[in-house]
Amino acid sequence: MTAGRYRVTVTTDGESLIQGWWGSEATARRKFTSWIGEHGSRPGARVTLTDEETDTVLTEWPDTR
């Protein structure tokens, strides 16, 4: 089984806590939002949605741009 194109990663203080891959960007964006709610209160938490095909960060929380 091949991982999906869109990866959501939760890190805390730079260490990977959880990752998931989805073939649908819409599904990955829903998971991104969900994981902010589930893990956003952890110290040093960051949630990132990446397009693995283009190696582009589509969005991140908190937004540091």
N, C-alpha and C. Protein backbone atom coordinates (compact mmCIF):
# COMPACT_ATOMS: atom_id res chain seq x y z
N MET A 1 0.84 -1.19 0.00
CA MET A 1 0.00 0.00 0.00
C MET A 1 0.88 1.25 0.00
N THR A 2 0.57 2.19 -0.85
CA THR A 2 1.33 3.42 -0.96
C THR A 2 0.69 4.50 -0.10
N ALA A 3 1.53 5.28 0.56
CA ALA A 3 1.03 6.39 1.37
C ALA A 3 0.38 7.42 0.46
N GLY A 4 -0.58 8.17 0.99
CA GLY A 4 -1.26 9.20 0.22
C GLY A 4 -0.35 10.37 -0.07
N ARG A 5 -0.84 11.22 -0.93
CA ARG A 5 -0.07 12.39 -1.37
C ARG A 5 0.06 13.45 -0.28
N TYR A 6 -0.95 13.57 0.60
CA TYR A 6 -0.99 14.66 1.56
C TYR A 6 -0.67 14.13 2.96
N ARG A 7 0.35 14.72 3.58
CA ARG A 7 0.82 14.27 4.89
C ARG A 7 0.54 15.33 5.94
N VAL A 8 -0.05 14.91 7.05
CA VAL A 8 -0.24 15.78 8.20
C VAL A 8 0.69 15.27 9.30
N THR A 9 1.44 16.19 9.88
CA THR A 9 2.40 15.84 10.92
C THR A 9 2.16 16.72 12.14
N VAL A 10 2.17 16.09 13.30
CA VAL A 10 2.14 16.83 14.57
C VAL A 10 3.51 16.63 15.21
N THR A 11 4.16 17.75 15.54
CA THR A 11 5.41 17.69 16.27
C THR A 11 5.26 18.45 17.58
N THR A 12 6.04 18.04 18.56
CA THR A 12 6.12 18.79 19.82
C THR A 12 7.59 19.02 20.09
N ASP A 13 7.93 20.29 20.25
CA ASP A 13 9.33 20.67 20.44
C ASP A 13 10.25 20.06 19.39
N GLY A 14 9.77 20.01 18.14
CA GLY A 14 10.59 19.53 17.03
C GLY A 14 10.61 18.02 16.84
N GLU A 15 10.01 17.26 17.74
CA GLU A 15 10.01 15.80 17.65
C GLU A 15 8.66 15.35 17.09
N SER A 16 8.70 14.43 16.12
CA SER A 16 7.48 13.93 15.51
C SER A 16 6.66 13.14 16.53
N LEU A 17 5.39 13.49 16.67
CA LEU A 17 4.49 12.81 17.58
C LEU A 17 3.58 11.85 16.81
N ILE A 18 3.03 12.32 15.68
CA ILE A 18 2.11 11.52 14.88
C ILE A 18 2.12 12.04 13.45
N GLN A 19 1.94 11.11 12.49
CA GLN A 19 1.86 11.47 11.08
C GLN A 19 0.77 10.63 10.42
N GLY A 20 0.16 11.18 9.40
CA GLY A 20 -0.81 10.43 8.61
C GLY A 20 -0.78 10.91 7.18
N TRP A 21 -1.14 10.02 6.25
CA TRP A 21 -1.14 10.34 4.84
C TRP A 21 -2.51 10.07 4.26
N TRP A 22 -2.98 10.97 3.38
CA TRP A 22 -4.28 10.82 2.73
C TRP A 22 -4.15 11.15 1.25
N GLY A 23 -4.94 10.49 0.45
CA GLY A 23 -4.96 10.73 -1.00
C GLY A 23 -5.75 11.96 -1.38
N SER A 24 -6.65 12.38 -0.50
CA SER A 24 -7.51 13.53 -0.77
C SER A 24 -7.04 14.74 0.05
N GLU A 25 -6.84 15.87 -0.63
CA GLU A 25 -6.45 17.08 0.09
C GLU A 25 -7.54 17.52 1.06
N ALA A 26 -8.80 17.40 0.66
CA ALA A 26 -9.91 17.80 1.54
C ALA A 26 -9.91 16.98 2.82
N THR A 27 -9.69 15.68 2.71
CA THR A 27 -9.63 14.82 3.90
C THR A 27 -8.44 15.19 4.77
N ALA A 28 -7.30 15.44 4.16
CA ALA A 28 -6.11 15.81 4.91
C ALA A 28 -6.31 17.15 5.63
N ARG A 29 -7.00 18.08 5.00
CA ARG A 29 -7.27 19.37 5.65
C ARG A 29 -8.21 19.21 6.85
N ARG A 30 -9.18 18.31 6.73
CA ARG A 30 -10.06 18.04 7.89
C ARG A 30 -9.26 17.43 9.02
N LYS A 31 -8.36 16.50 8.71
CA LYS A 31 -7.53 15.88 9.74
C LYS A 31 -6.59 16.91 10.36
N PHE A 32 -6.05 17.80 9.53
CA PHE A 32 -5.19 18.88 10.01
C PHE A 32 -5.91 19.68 11.09
N THR A 33 -7.14 20.10 10.80
CA THR A 33 -7.94 20.87 11.75
C THR A 33 -8.25 20.06 13.00
N SER A 34 -8.59 18.81 12.80
CA SER A 34 -8.90 17.92 13.92
C SER A 34 -7.70 17.76 14.84
N TRP A 35 -6.53 17.57 14.26
CA TRP A 35 -5.33 17.35 15.08
C TRP A 35 -4.90 18.62 15.81
N ILE A 36 -5.21 19.79 15.26
CA ILE A 36 -4.96 21.02 16.02
C ILE A 36 -5.78 20.98 17.30
N GLY A 37 -7.05 20.60 17.18
CA GLY A 37 -7.92 20.50 18.35
C GLY A 37 -7.46 19.44 19.34
N GLU A 38 -6.98 18.32 18.84
CA GLU A 38 -6.57 17.22 19.70
C GLU A 38 -5.20 17.42 20.33
N HIS A 39 -4.27 18.05 19.62
CA HIS A 39 -2.88 18.12 20.07
C HIS A 39 -2.33 19.54 20.22
N GLY A 40 -3.11 20.54 19.85
CA GLY A 40 -2.63 21.92 19.85
C GLY A 40 -2.26 22.47 21.21
N SER A 41 -2.79 21.89 22.27
CA SER A 41 -2.48 22.40 23.61
C SER A 41 -1.19 21.82 24.18
N ARG A 42 -0.58 20.88 23.49
CA ARG A 42 0.70 20.31 23.96
C ARG A 42 1.79 21.37 23.85
N PRO A 43 2.68 21.41 24.81
CA PRO A 43 3.77 22.40 24.76
C PRO A 43 4.61 22.23 23.48
N GLY A 44 4.83 23.33 22.79
CA GLY A 44 5.66 23.32 21.59
C GLY A 44 5.02 22.65 20.39
N ALA A 45 3.69 22.49 20.39
CA ALA A 45 3.00 21.78 19.30
C ALA A 45 3.04 22.55 17.99
N ARG A 46 3.19 21.81 16.90
CA ARG A 46 3.11 22.35 15.54
C ARG A 46 2.43 21.29 14.69
N VAL A 47 1.49 21.72 13.85
CA VAL A 47 0.79 20.82 12.93
C VAL A 47 1.04 21.33 11.51
N THR A 48 1.46 20.43 10.63
CA THR A 48 1.84 20.80 9.27
C THR A 48 1.14 19.91 8.26
N LEU A 49 0.63 20.51 7.19
CA LEU A 49 0.06 19.78 6.06
C LEU A 49 0.98 19.98 4.87
N THR A 50 1.49 18.87 4.33
CA THR A 50 2.47 18.92 3.24
C THR A 50 1.96 18.13 2.05
N ASP A 51 2.15 18.69 0.85
CA ASP A 51 1.90 17.97 -0.40
C ASP A 51 3.18 17.21 -0.71
N GLU A 52 3.16 15.90 -0.55
CA GLU A 52 4.35 15.07 -0.74
C GLU A 52 4.81 15.05 -2.20
N GLU A 53 3.89 15.23 -3.13
CA GLU A 53 4.25 15.19 -4.55
C GLU A 53 5.11 16.39 -4.94
N THR A 54 4.78 17.56 -4.39
CA THR A 54 5.53 18.78 -4.74
C THR A 54 6.47 19.21 -3.62
N ASP A 55 6.43 18.51 -2.48
CA ASP A 55 7.23 18.83 -1.30
C ASP A 55 6.96 20.27 -0.84
N THR A 56 5.68 20.65 -0.87
CA THR A 56 5.24 21.99 -0.49
C THR A 56 4.43 21.94 0.79
N VAL A 57 4.76 22.81 1.75
CA VAL A 57 3.94 22.95 2.94
C VAL A 57 2.71 23.76 2.54
N LEU A 58 1.53 23.16 2.67
CA LEU A 58 0.29 23.83 2.28
C LEU A 58 -0.23 24.74 3.38
N THR A 59 -0.09 24.30 4.61
CA THR A 59 -0.49 25.12 5.75
C THR A 59 0.18 24.57 7.00
N GLU A 60 0.30 25.43 7.99
CA GLU A 60 0.88 25.00 9.27
C GLU A 60 0.24 25.78 10.39
N TRP A 61 0.26 25.18 11.54
CA TRP A 61 -0.28 25.81 12.74
C TRP A 61 0.72 25.62 13.86
N PRO A 62 1.02 26.62 14.64
CA PRO A 62 0.61 28.01 14.41
C PRO A 62 1.29 28.57 13.17
N ASP A 63 0.63 29.51 12.52
CA ASP A 63 1.15 30.11 11.30
C ASP A 63 2.29 31.04 11.66
N THR A 64 3.48 30.72 11.19
CA THR A 64 4.67 31.53 11.49
C THR A 64 5.10 32.39 10.31
N ARG A 65 4.32 32.35 9.23
CA ARG A 65 4.73 33.11 8.04
C ARG A 65 4.37 34.57 8.20
